Amino acid sequence: MAITDKTDKKDLFAAYTEDSIRSLDWREHIRLRPGMYIGKLGDGTSMDDGIYILIKEVVDNCIDEHTMGFGKQVDIKVSEHSVTVRDYGRGIPLGKVVDVVSKINTGAKYDSKAFQKSVGLNGVGTKAVNALSNYFKVQSIRDGRTKIAEFERGVLTKEHKEAATNEPNGTIVTFIPDDTVFKNYHYIPEFLENQIWNYCFLNAGLTINFNGQKYLSKNGLLDLLQRKTVEEDLRYPIIHLKGEDIEVAITHENQYGEEYYSFVNGQHTTQGGTHLAAFREAFVKTVRDFYKKDYDATDIRASICAAISVRVQEPVFESQTKTKLGSLTVYENGPSMKAFVLDFLSKHLDDFLHRNPTVADAMKKRIEQSERERKELAGIKKLANERAKKANLHNRKLRDCRYHLNDEVSGKDKLEQDAKRLESVIFITEGDSASGSITKSRNVETQAVFSLRGKPLNSFGLTKKIVYENEEFNLLQHALNIEDGLEGLRYNKIVVATDADVDGMHIRLLLLTFFLQFFPDLVKNGHVYILETPLFRVRNKQETIYCYTEEEKQQAIKKLGSKPEITRFKGLGEISPEEFGRFIGEDMKVEPIILSKDTHVQKLLEYYMGKNTQSRQEFIISNLRYEKDLVNE
């Protein structure tokens, strides 16, 4: 019923009856509102998609056992759809195996003596996995006895009797995500590997066997930063400091931006929180005090790459997915988070810099270089910001969505807002026809469109000055709100949407060069994607099939038979808004931009976007036939 000023209040009153009130059991509630429990669904193309959160919820329990001193190994096996996780801890008490995975508010973590500094305190994790799985099996092995229970979508289908066993103690969980909830999902190996490495970095000495490969870290966050950085790009060797319930690793690089990895009780807090805010503030104060100079905070933190891990008693997170810490203290009746981190850094980092004058001198030079660069940019930035306002960004270049990351909400509204934040997308496209098709077919709640005017500039080798001098780049960084870092990023996914021809590929390269050159943390944190749209439409009077490859086209022709109509989409503008809606809806196909451990960003950019070297000429010649095929299709 549409509500207007003329709506009769009696009608509204009459519509609100006892029948309006529903009570959902735990399983129904999780399945009806999965975003409240696992953030978002997705198909596996984002590292924060639900299928990875399901694995995390199960592994978190294994890590908590290890943290408490039980079990030094976790086995994880992930096939195309099935996941099995096995720890060697104490095992769930056999009489509670069913309850622990199917009754809300049931779990050992309510007993703070059993789990002093665990990740999951609300007893929801494995219940959510159970409810959102086609098949879920839990087995506990405890002192020569075992108990097994099997479920389908949270409903108990078989409870086995206790039996004798020779297996070592521990818990084994096997599940298959529900494909009616996680549609067309697939696991990306790099995302799984990154998830597993984080567990190892945060639990030095823990061995994780993942699909037959062993993962082990001996040096914690030092190993993490070594994996995330390239040694020749570092301004000084990584500083690694450890204390009771806190560990940090710090270095400065040559690239732009600030890059942080923050953790609480082994949980990767991708959105930071009170511990990261405390670290950023404490680092600035400690550096100022050491050098006895009031450097600007942005100069001190420019080009920093750092990791912080803290252990907190009964942590408070701002969402069920535990991506942002809200705790203000470390222990009950203990110091504030801010005081705890500052006390640690002001002592240990200050001592380190005094003992290592070469490192201290290198850090000072990096800070002063950032100071010079900031002052050189000051006048240009002011003019660029004024130009962006005059350009009337939100009407001229950006067709925004109704959702914004900066909205302040609380309670249940915040849970829904968190889910929308994860779903928010901005499409970057070129030309009026393409941007027009996307604009007409998008979801206006969570999808925005930024329209480029022609090909962007090749920014390789240029300084950040060009970001402000070039109108396209300046307006784009304002649309994304990334001038001062990722904290204000307005969209979770940045999707490059270009034509599937040589010009479209070139625009992709130019945009990726811009992001990798000036905002590499956007790529490293998994925010940048390429939109995949069909190359062909094959149809007859009964059926239409959209094909993304030549192989799919041949299969479609074979299926439809009798000379079907075949259309080759050479540009996004050729796809009608009605059709486009299918390709940017819940079945949208995107390819994430993933940087492997061995990727050296500057060398990569130099090869593709630098001067025409012999090796690149040979690459172009060897791939020339493929490019001609694209043009002639």
Foldseek 3Di string as FASTA:
>chain_A
DDDDPPDDVVVVVVVDDPVVDDDDAPLVVCLVCVCQAQNEAEFAQFLSHRVNLLVVLVVLVLLQQVVLPFFQEKEWEDDFFKIKIKTQGQWDPQVCQLVLQQPWQDDPLCPCVSRFFGDDNGSCNNVSSQLQFQKKKKKFDHDQKIWIWIHGNRHTDDTDDIDGDPDHGIMMMMTGGDCVRNPNHGHDVVSVVVLVQLLQLQPASHWYQYNNDIHHDNHRVLVVVLLVDDVVFWLDRWDWDDDVFKIKIKTFGDAWFAAEFEEENSHTQQLEEDLVVLQLVLQQVLLCVLVVHNADSCLLRTRMHMYMYGGAGPWDAQGNSRNYTHAQPRYVVHDGSNVVNNVRCNPVVSVVCVVPVVRSVSSVVSSVVSVVVCVVCVVLQVVLVVVLVVCVLCPNFKVAAPQWPPDDDDDPVVSVNSSLQQVAEEEEEEDDLLQVLCVLQDDRHRYMYGYDYAADDQCQPHDCSVCSVPNRSSSVCVVQVAPNHDSRGTHQAYEYEWFPAPRRVVSVLSVVSVCCRHPVVCQANFRYKYWQFFQKWWDDPPDIDGHRDPVVVVVSCVVVDDDTDMDGDRTSSVQHSVRVNVCNPSPHDINIRHDGSPDDSSVVCCLVPNPCDPVNVVVCVVCVVVNVVSVVD
